Amino acid sequence: MKAGKFIHWSFLLAVFSTFALASHIAAATTDFGTLTKGTNTCGYYGYAGPWGMGSYSPTGLAGGTTVTGIYEYFNVWPQIGCTSGVWSAFVVGGFSSNPSSNWLNSVTCNGVTLTSTSANFSYSNGNATWFWSNVTFKFSGLSNGTNVSCTIDHN
């Protein structure tokens, strides 16, 4: 056979893979917001809407879901009634079904980026939570009322 008459199968596979990857990347959405740091008892820092701690604007995300929490727990010398621990959480509400951990690619606040691949994930009653052990957004070192930029990259 003459060269150039047939397309090699490996070339077709490479082209197909490139388009498949590009369509996945194109499906990702990035939302931007501002977190105003609040503090709760025992060592909670950041934003937790249901607790009235801090604020986040805008809470609405592309696709109709809502940020209900971006916070950390940093307590290495617990007072009476509190436990020691260091962790962070990102909570999104408004899901009609379990979005799976893959809905989130990453969340960045205060210059700290946490990815879904390193998180524990849970879903209950429309709320999805990503939880990271032994890592924080470094909110605890900020004064209450400090504004920080956040970026949420999701599918």
N, C-alpha and C. Protein backbone atom coordinates (compact mmCIF):
# COMPACT_ATOMS: atom_id res chain seq x y z
N MET A 1 0.83 -1.18 0.00
CA MET A 1 0.00 0.00 0.00
C MET A 1 0.87 1.25 0.00
N LYS A 2 0.33 2.27 -0.59
CA LYS A 2 1.04 3.54 -0.62
C LYS A 2 0.85 4.27 0.70
N ALA A 3 1.88 4.94 1.13
CA ALA A 3 1.80 5.73 2.35
C ALA A 3 0.83 6.88 2.16
N GLY A 4 0.07 7.19 3.18
CA GLY A 4 -0.83 8.33 3.13
C GLY A 4 -2.24 7.98 2.72
N LYS A 5 -2.49 6.73 2.27
CA LYS A 5 -3.84 6.37 1.86
C LYS A 5 -4.74 6.06 3.04
N PHE A 6 -4.17 5.57 4.13
CA PHE A 6 -4.97 5.19 5.28
C PHE A 6 -4.50 5.96 6.52
N ILE A 7 -5.43 6.29 7.37
CA ILE A 7 -5.09 6.95 8.63
C ILE A 7 -4.86 5.86 9.67
N HIS A 8 -3.74 5.94 10.31
CA HIS A 8 -3.39 4.93 11.31
C HIS A 8 -4.33 5.03 12.50
N TRP A 9 -4.72 3.91 13.08
CA TRP A 9 -5.67 3.88 14.20
C TRP A 9 -5.15 4.66 15.41
N SER A 10 -3.83 4.70 15.62
CA SER A 10 -3.30 5.42 16.78
C SER A 10 -3.51 6.93 16.62
N PHE A 11 -3.49 7.42 15.38
CA PHE A 11 -3.75 8.83 15.14
C PHE A 11 -5.20 9.15 15.48
N LEU A 12 -6.12 8.30 15.04
CA LEU A 12 -7.54 8.51 15.34
C LEU A 12 -7.79 8.48 16.85
N LEU A 13 -7.14 7.57 17.54
CA LEU A 13 -7.29 7.48 18.99
C LEU A 13 -6.79 8.75 19.67
N ALA A 14 -5.66 9.26 19.21
CA ALA A 14 -5.10 10.49 19.78
C ALA A 14 -6.03 11.67 19.55
N VAL A 15 -6.61 11.78 18.35
CA VAL A 15 -7.53 12.87 18.04
C VAL A 15 -8.78 12.76 18.91
N PHE A 16 -9.36 11.57 19.00
CA PHE A 16 -10.55 11.36 19.80
C PHE A 16 -10.28 11.69 21.27
N SER A 17 -9.16 11.25 21.81
CA SER A 17 -8.81 11.51 23.21
C SER A 17 -8.66 13.00 23.47
N THR A 18 -8.08 13.71 22.54
CA THR A 18 -7.90 15.15 22.68
C THR A 18 -9.25 15.86 22.75
N PHE A 19 -10.19 15.47 21.86
CA PHE A 19 -11.52 16.09 21.89
C PHE A 19 -12.26 15.72 23.15
N ALA A 20 -12.14 14.50 23.62
CA ALA A 20 -12.80 14.08 24.86
C ALA A 20 -12.28 14.87 26.04
N LEU A 21 -10.98 15.07 26.12
CA LEU A 21 -10.38 15.84 27.20
C LEU A 21 -10.80 17.30 27.11
N ALA A 22 -10.80 17.84 25.92
CA ALA A 22 -11.19 19.24 25.73
C ALA A 22 -12.64 19.46 26.14
N SER A 23 -13.53 18.51 25.86
CA SER A 23 -14.93 18.69 26.23
C SER A 23 -15.09 18.62 27.74
N HIS A 24 -14.27 17.81 28.42
CA HIS A 24 -14.33 17.76 29.89
C HIS A 24 -13.83 19.08 30.47
N ILE A 25 -12.74 19.59 29.95
CA ILE A 25 -12.18 20.84 30.45
C ILE A 25 -13.16 21.98 30.19
N ALA A 26 -13.79 21.98 29.02
CA ALA A 26 -14.72 23.05 28.68
C ALA A 26 -15.93 23.03 29.59
N ALA A 27 -16.27 21.88 30.16
CA ALA A 27 -17.43 21.78 31.03
C ALA A 27 -17.19 22.40 32.39
N ALA A 28 -15.94 22.62 32.77
CA ALA A 28 -15.64 23.20 34.07
C ALA A 28 -16.05 24.67 34.11
N THR A 29 -16.50 25.09 35.29
CA THR A 29 -16.93 26.46 35.52
C THR A 29 -16.15 27.04 36.68
N THR A 30 -15.80 28.30 36.60
CA THR A 30 -15.11 28.96 37.69
C THR A 30 -15.97 30.10 38.22
N ASP A 31 -16.24 30.07 39.52
CA ASP A 31 -16.98 31.13 40.20
C ASP A 31 -16.03 31.85 41.14
N PHE A 32 -16.22 33.15 41.27
CA PHE A 32 -15.39 33.98 42.13
C PHE A 32 -16.24 34.61 43.22
N GLY A 33 -15.68 34.74 44.41
CA GLY A 33 -16.42 35.36 45.49
C GLY A 33 -15.49 35.96 46.53
N THR A 34 -16.11 36.63 47.49
CA THR A 34 -15.37 37.24 48.59
C THR A 34 -15.89 36.69 49.90
N LEU A 35 -14.99 36.15 50.69
CA LEU A 35 -15.32 35.64 52.01
C LEU A 35 -14.92 36.69 53.04
N THR A 36 -15.83 37.02 53.94
CA THR A 36 -15.53 37.89 55.07
C THR A 36 -15.41 37.00 56.30
N LYS A 37 -14.22 36.97 56.87
CA LYS A 37 -13.92 36.03 57.95
C LYS A 37 -14.72 36.31 59.21
N GLY A 38 -15.30 35.25 59.72
CA GLY A 38 -15.96 35.27 61.00
C GLY A 38 -15.36 34.21 61.90
N THR A 39 -15.74 34.22 63.17
CA THR A 39 -15.23 33.25 64.14
C THR A 39 -16.40 32.74 64.97
N ASN A 40 -16.34 31.47 65.29
CA ASN A 40 -17.32 30.85 66.16
C ASN A 40 -16.57 30.24 67.34
N THR A 41 -17.28 29.70 68.28
CA THR A 41 -16.64 29.13 69.47
C THR A 41 -15.75 27.94 69.12
N CYS A 42 -14.81 27.71 69.94
CA CYS A 42 -13.93 26.54 69.91
C CYS A 42 -12.87 26.54 68.81
N GLY A 43 -12.90 27.43 67.86
CA GLY A 43 -11.86 27.44 66.85
C GLY A 43 -12.35 27.30 65.43
N TYR A 44 -13.61 27.68 65.16
CA TYR A 44 -14.13 27.69 63.80
C TYR A 44 -13.86 29.07 63.20
N TYR A 45 -13.36 29.09 61.95
CA TYR A 45 -13.03 30.34 61.29
C TYR A 45 -13.47 30.28 59.83
N GLY A 46 -13.95 31.41 59.30
CA GLY A 46 -14.34 31.48 57.90
C GLY A 46 -15.79 31.87 57.75
N TYR A 47 -16.51 31.14 56.87
CA TYR A 47 -17.92 31.42 56.59
C TYR A 47 -18.74 30.15 56.76
N ALA A 48 -19.78 30.23 57.56
CA ALA A 48 -20.76 29.16 57.70
C ALA A 48 -22.13 29.81 57.82
N GLY A 49 -22.85 29.89 56.71
CA GLY A 49 -24.15 30.56 56.67
C GLY A 49 -25.14 30.10 57.71
N PRO A 50 -25.35 28.79 57.86
CA PRO A 50 -26.33 28.32 58.84
C PRO A 50 -25.99 28.71 60.29
N TRP A 51 -24.73 28.96 60.58
CA TRP A 51 -24.31 29.33 61.94
C TRP A 51 -24.25 30.84 62.12
N GLY A 52 -24.40 31.60 61.04
CA GLY A 52 -24.27 33.04 61.13
C GLY A 52 -22.84 33.49 61.32
N MET A 53 -21.89 32.68 60.85
CA MET A 53 -20.47 33.00 61.01
C MET A 53 -19.91 33.55 59.71
N GLY A 54 -19.40 34.79 59.73
CA GLY A 54 -18.82 35.39 58.55
C GLY A 54 -19.85 35.59 57.45
N SER A 55 -19.36 35.88 56.26
CA SER A 55 -20.25 36.02 55.10
C SER A 55 -19.49 35.64 53.83
N TYR A 56 -20.25 35.40 52.78
CA TYR A 56 -19.69 35.07 51.48
C TYR A 56 -20.57 35.71 50.42
N SER A 57 -19.94 36.34 49.42
CA SER A 57 -20.71 36.99 48.37
C SER A 57 -20.00 36.88 47.03
N PRO A 58 -20.72 36.51 45.99
CA PRO A 58 -22.10 36.03 46.01
C PRO A 58 -22.14 34.56 46.40
N THR A 59 -23.21 34.14 47.06
CA THR A 59 -23.31 32.73 47.47
C THR A 59 -23.75 31.84 46.31
N GLY A 60 -24.43 32.41 45.32
CA GLY A 60 -24.90 31.63 44.18
C GLY A 60 -23.78 31.22 43.25
N LEU A 61 -23.85 29.97 42.80
CA LEU A 61 -22.86 29.42 41.86
C LEU A 61 -23.53 29.11 40.53
N ALA A 62 -22.74 29.07 39.47
CA ALA A 62 -23.26 28.66 38.16
C ALA A 62 -23.89 27.29 38.30
N GLY A 63 -25.06 27.12 37.74
CA GLY A 63 -25.76 25.85 37.83
C GLY A 63 -26.85 25.87 38.90
N GLY A 64 -26.93 26.95 39.68
CA GLY A 64 -28.02 27.09 40.64
C GLY A 64 -27.76 26.62 42.05
N THR A 65 -26.57 26.17 42.36
CA THR A 65 -26.26 25.76 43.73
C THR A 65 -25.78 26.96 44.54
N THR A 66 -25.59 26.75 45.85
CA THR A 66 -25.25 27.85 46.75
C THR A 66 -24.13 27.45 47.70
N VAL A 67 -23.17 28.34 47.88
CA VAL A 67 -22.12 28.13 48.88
C VAL A 67 -22.74 28.37 50.25
N THR A 68 -22.70 27.36 51.12
CA THR A 68 -23.23 27.54 52.49
C THR A 68 -22.12 27.50 53.53
N GLY A 69 -20.90 27.11 53.12
CA GLY A 69 -19.80 27.12 54.07
C GLY A 69 -18.44 26.95 53.43
N ILE A 70 -17.51 27.78 53.86
CA ILE A 70 -16.08 27.62 53.58
C ILE A 70 -15.41 27.97 54.89
N TYR A 71 -15.01 26.95 55.63
CA TYR A 71 -14.50 27.22 56.96
C TYR A 71 -13.46 26.19 57.38
N GLU A 72 -12.83 26.50 58.48
CA GLU A 72 -11.82 25.60 59.03
C GLU A 72 -12.03 25.49 60.53
N TYR A 73 -11.48 24.43 61.07
CA TYR A 73 -11.44 24.25 62.52
C TYR A 73 -9.98 24.14 62.89
N PHE A 74 -9.52 25.08 63.70
CA PHE A 74 -8.12 25.08 64.11
C PHE A 74 -8.07 25.27 65.62
N ASN A 75 -7.90 24.16 66.33
CA ASN A 75 -7.88 24.22 67.78
C ASN A 75 -6.89 23.18 68.28
N VAL A 76 -5.69 23.62 68.59
CA VAL A 76 -4.66 22.69 69.07
C VAL A 76 -4.53 22.73 70.59
N TRP A 77 -5.12 23.73 71.24
CA TRP A 77 -5.15 23.82 72.71
C TRP A 77 -6.59 24.01 73.14
N PRO A 78 -7.37 22.93 73.13
CA PRO A 78 -8.81 23.07 73.37
C PRO A 78 -9.15 23.55 74.78
N GLN A 79 -10.17 24.40 74.81
CA GLN A 79 -10.73 24.81 76.09
C GLN A 79 -11.77 23.78 76.51
N ILE A 80 -12.33 23.95 77.67
CA ILE A 80 -13.34 23.02 78.19
C ILE A 80 -14.52 22.98 77.22
N GLY A 81 -14.94 21.79 76.86
CA GLY A 81 -16.07 21.62 75.96
C GLY A 81 -15.71 21.60 74.49
N CYS A 82 -14.45 21.78 74.15
CA CYS A 82 -14.02 21.77 72.75
C CYS A 82 -13.02 20.64 72.54
N THR A 83 -12.91 20.18 71.32
CA THR A 83 -11.94 19.14 71.01
C THR A 83 -10.80 19.73 70.20
N SER A 84 -9.68 19.05 70.20
CA SER A 84 -8.57 19.52 69.38
C SER A 84 -8.75 18.98 67.96
N GLY A 85 -8.23 19.73 67.01
CA GLY A 85 -8.31 19.29 65.63
C GLY A 85 -7.90 20.38 64.67
N VAL A 86 -7.58 19.95 63.45
CA VAL A 86 -7.22 20.86 62.37
C VAL A 86 -7.82 20.28 61.09
N TRP A 87 -8.77 21.00 60.50
CA TRP A 87 -9.38 20.55 59.25
C TRP A 87 -10.11 21.70 58.57
N SER A 88 -10.50 21.50 57.32
CA SER A 88 -11.24 22.48 56.54
C SER A 88 -12.42 21.81 55.85
N ALA A 89 -13.44 22.63 55.54
CA ALA A 89 -14.63 22.11 54.87
C ALA A 89 -15.15 23.12 53.86
N PHE A 90 -15.73 22.59 52.80
CA PHE A 90 -16.42 23.39 51.78
C PHE A 90 -17.78 22.75 51.59
N VAL A 91 -18.85 23.54 51.75
CA VAL A 91 -20.21 23.00 51.71
C VAL A 91 -21.02 23.75 50.66
N VAL A 92 -21.68 22.99 49.79
CA VAL A 92 -22.53 23.56 48.75
C VAL A 92 -23.92 22.95 48.88
N GLY A 93 -24.94 23.79 48.89
CA GLY A 93 -26.32 23.33 48.99
C GLY A 93 -27.08 23.54 47.70
N GLY A 94 -28.24 22.90 47.62
CA GLY A 94 -29.12 23.08 46.47
C GLY A 94 -29.06 22.01 45.42
N PHE A 95 -28.40 20.90 45.71
CA PHE A 95 -28.35 19.78 44.76
C PHE A 95 -29.64 18.97 44.85
N SER A 96 -30.13 18.51 43.71
CA SER A 96 -31.32 17.66 43.71
C SER A 96 -30.96 16.18 43.85
N SER A 97 -29.71 15.86 43.61
CA SER A 97 -29.21 14.50 43.80
C SER A 97 -27.71 14.58 44.09
N ASN A 98 -27.14 13.47 44.48
CA ASN A 98 -25.72 13.43 44.84
C ASN A 98 -24.85 13.79 43.63
N PRO A 99 -24.08 14.89 43.72
CA PRO A 99 -23.26 15.30 42.58
C PRO A 99 -21.95 14.52 42.47
N SER A 100 -21.59 13.78 43.48
CA SER A 100 -20.33 13.05 43.63
C SER A 100 -19.19 14.04 43.89
N SER A 101 -18.11 13.52 44.41
CA SER A 101 -16.97 14.37 44.76
C SER A 101 -16.37 15.04 43.54
N ASN A 102 -16.58 14.47 42.35
CA ASN A 102 -16.00 15.01 41.12
C ASN A 102 -16.64 16.32 40.67
N TRP A 103 -17.76 16.72 41.29
CA TRP A 103 -18.37 18.01 40.94
C TRP A 103 -17.38 19.14 41.20
N LEU A 104 -16.63 19.03 42.29
CA LEU A 104 -15.64 20.05 42.64
C LEU A 104 -14.28 19.66 42.07
N ASN A 105 -13.63 20.62 41.44
CA ASN A 105 -12.23 20.43 41.04
C ASN A 105 -11.33 20.98 42.12
N SER A 106 -11.57 22.26 42.50
CA SER A 106 -10.77 22.87 43.55
C SER A 106 -11.48 24.08 44.12
N VAL A 107 -11.11 24.43 45.34
CA VAL A 107 -11.55 25.67 45.97
C VAL A 107 -10.29 26.37 46.49
N THR A 108 -10.18 27.65 46.18
CA THR A 108 -9.03 28.45 46.61
C THR A 108 -9.53 29.64 47.40
N CYS A 109 -9.03 29.79 48.60
CA CYS A 109 -9.34 30.96 49.44
C CYS A 109 -8.09 31.35 50.19
N ASN A 110 -7.88 32.65 50.29
CA ASN A 110 -6.75 33.16 51.06
C ASN A 110 -5.42 32.62 50.52
N GLY A 111 -5.38 32.33 49.22
CA GLY A 111 -4.17 31.82 48.59
C GLY A 111 -3.92 30.34 48.77
N VAL A 112 -4.84 29.63 49.43
CA VAL A 112 -4.70 28.20 49.68
C VAL A 112 -5.66 27.45 48.76
N THR A 113 -5.14 26.50 47.98
CA THR A 113 -5.96 25.70 47.07
C THR A 113 -6.09 24.28 47.61
N LEU A 114 -7.34 23.84 47.73
CA LEU A 114 -7.63 22.46 48.13
C LEU A 114 -8.40 21.80 47.00
N THR A 115 -8.05 20.57 46.67
CA THR A 115 -8.66 19.86 45.54
C THR A 115 -9.56 18.74 46.02
N SER A 116 -10.50 18.38 45.17
CA SER A 116 -11.44 17.31 45.51
C SER A 116 -10.74 15.95 45.62
N THR A 117 -9.64 15.79 44.90
CA THR A 117 -8.95 14.50 44.92
C THR A 117 -8.33 14.19 46.28
N SER A 118 -8.08 15.23 47.10
CA SER A 118 -7.50 15.00 48.42
C SER A 118 -8.53 15.13 49.54
N ALA A 119 -9.81 15.25 49.17
CA ALA A 119 -10.87 15.47 50.16
C ALA A 119 -11.66 14.20 50.45
N ASN A 120 -12.24 14.16 51.64
CA ASN A 120 -13.31 13.21 51.95
C ASN A 120 -14.60 13.90 51.52
N PHE A 121 -15.57 13.14 51.03
CA PHE A 121 -16.80 13.71 50.49
C PHE A 121 -18.01 13.08 51.15
N SER A 122 -19.02 13.91 51.39
CA SER A 122 -20.30 13.37 51.87
C SER A 122 -21.44 14.17 51.25
N TYR A 123 -22.60 13.54 51.18
CA TYR A 123 -23.78 14.18 50.62
C TYR A 123 -24.99 13.81 51.46
N SER A 124 -25.81 14.82 51.79
CA SER A 124 -27.03 14.56 52.56
C SER A 124 -28.02 15.69 52.33
N ASN A 125 -29.24 15.33 51.98
CA ASN A 125 -30.36 16.28 51.87
C ASN A 125 -30.03 17.53 51.04
N GLY A 126 -29.42 17.33 49.89
CA GLY A 126 -29.13 18.44 48.99
C GLY A 126 -27.83 19.17 49.25
N ASN A 127 -27.11 18.77 50.32
CA ASN A 127 -25.86 19.43 50.67
C ASN A 127 -24.66 18.50 50.43
N ALA A 128 -23.69 19.02 49.71
CA ALA A 128 -22.45 18.28 49.44
C ALA A 128 -21.33 18.92 50.26
N THR A 129 -20.53 18.08 50.92
CA THR A 129 -19.44 18.58 51.76
C THR A 129 -18.14 17.91 51.38
N TRP A 130 -17.12 18.73 51.15
CA TRP A 130 -15.75 18.26 50.95
C TRP A 130 -14.99 18.61 52.22
N PHE A 131 -14.25 17.66 52.73
CA PHE A 131 -13.59 17.79 54.03
C PHE A 131 -12.13 17.40 53.90
N TRP A 132 -11.25 18.27 54.40
CA TRP A 132 -9.82 18.01 54.34
C TRP A 132 -9.24 17.96 55.75
N SER A 133 -8.55 16.89 56.08
CA SER A 133 -7.91 16.75 57.40
C SER A 133 -6.54 17.40 57.41
N ASN A 134 -6.18 17.98 58.54
CA ASN A 134 -4.83 18.51 58.80
C ASN A 134 -4.39 19.59 57.82
N VAL A 135 -5.34 20.35 57.27
CA VAL A 135 -5.00 21.46 56.38
C VAL A 135 -6.05 22.55 56.57
N THR A 136 -5.63 23.80 56.48
CA THR A 136 -6.58 24.90 56.63
C THR A 136 -6.39 25.94 55.53
N PHE A 137 -7.36 26.84 55.45
CA PHE A 137 -7.28 27.99 54.54
C PHE A 137 -6.51 29.15 55.19
N LYS A 138 -6.01 28.93 56.37
CA LYS A 138 -5.25 29.94 57.14
C LYS A 138 -6.12 31.14 57.52
N PHE A 139 -7.42 30.89 57.76
CA PHE A 139 -8.31 31.94 58.22
C PHE A 139 -8.03 32.33 59.67
N SER A 140 -7.56 31.38 60.47
CA SER A 140 -7.41 31.64 61.91
C SER A 140 -6.46 32.80 62.19
N GLY A 141 -5.50 33.04 61.34
CA GLY A 141 -4.54 34.12 61.55
C GLY A 141 -5.02 35.49 61.11
N LEU A 142 -6.24 35.56 60.54
CA LEU A 142 -6.78 36.82 60.06
C LEU A 142 -7.69 37.45 61.10
N SER A 143 -7.77 38.75 61.10
CA SER A 143 -8.70 39.46 61.98
C SER A 143 -10.13 39.23 61.51
N ASN A 144 -11.07 39.20 62.44
CA ASN A 144 -12.48 39.11 62.05
C ASN A 144 -12.83 40.27 61.14
N GLY A 145 -13.62 40.00 60.12
CA GLY A 145 -14.02 41.03 59.18
C GLY A 145 -13.08 41.18 57.99
N THR A 146 -11.96 40.46 57.99
CA THR A 146 -11.03 40.52 56.86
C THR A 146 -11.66 39.86 55.64
N ASN A 147 -11.54 40.52 54.49
CA ASN A 147 -12.04 39.97 53.23
C ASN A 147 -10.94 39.22 52.50
N VAL A 148 -11.28 38.03 51.99
CA VAL A 148 -10.34 37.26 51.18
C VAL A 148 -11.05 36.82 49.90
N SER A 149 -10.29 36.73 48.83
CA SER A 149 -10.84 36.27 47.55
C SER A 149 -10.87 34.74 47.53
N CYS A 150 -11.95 34.23 46.91
CA CYS A 150 -12.09 32.78 46.76
C CYS A 150 -12.43 32.47 45.30
N THR A 151 -11.94 31.34 44.84
CA THR A 151 -12.22 30.84 43.50
C THR A 151 -12.68 29.40 43.63
N ILE A 152 -13.82 29.11 43.02
CA ILE A 152 -14.38 27.76 43.07
C ILE A 152 -14.44 27.23 41.64
N ASP A 153 -13.70 26.17 41.39
CA ASP A 153 -13.65 25.54 40.07
C ASP A 153 -14.42 24.24 40.16
N HIS A 154 -15.52 24.15 39.39
CA HIS A 154 -16.39 22.98 39.50
C HIS A 154 -16.95 22.59 38.14
N ASN A 155 -17.57 21.43 38.11
CA ASN A 155 -18.17 20.91 36.87
C ASN A 155 -19.67 21.14 36.85
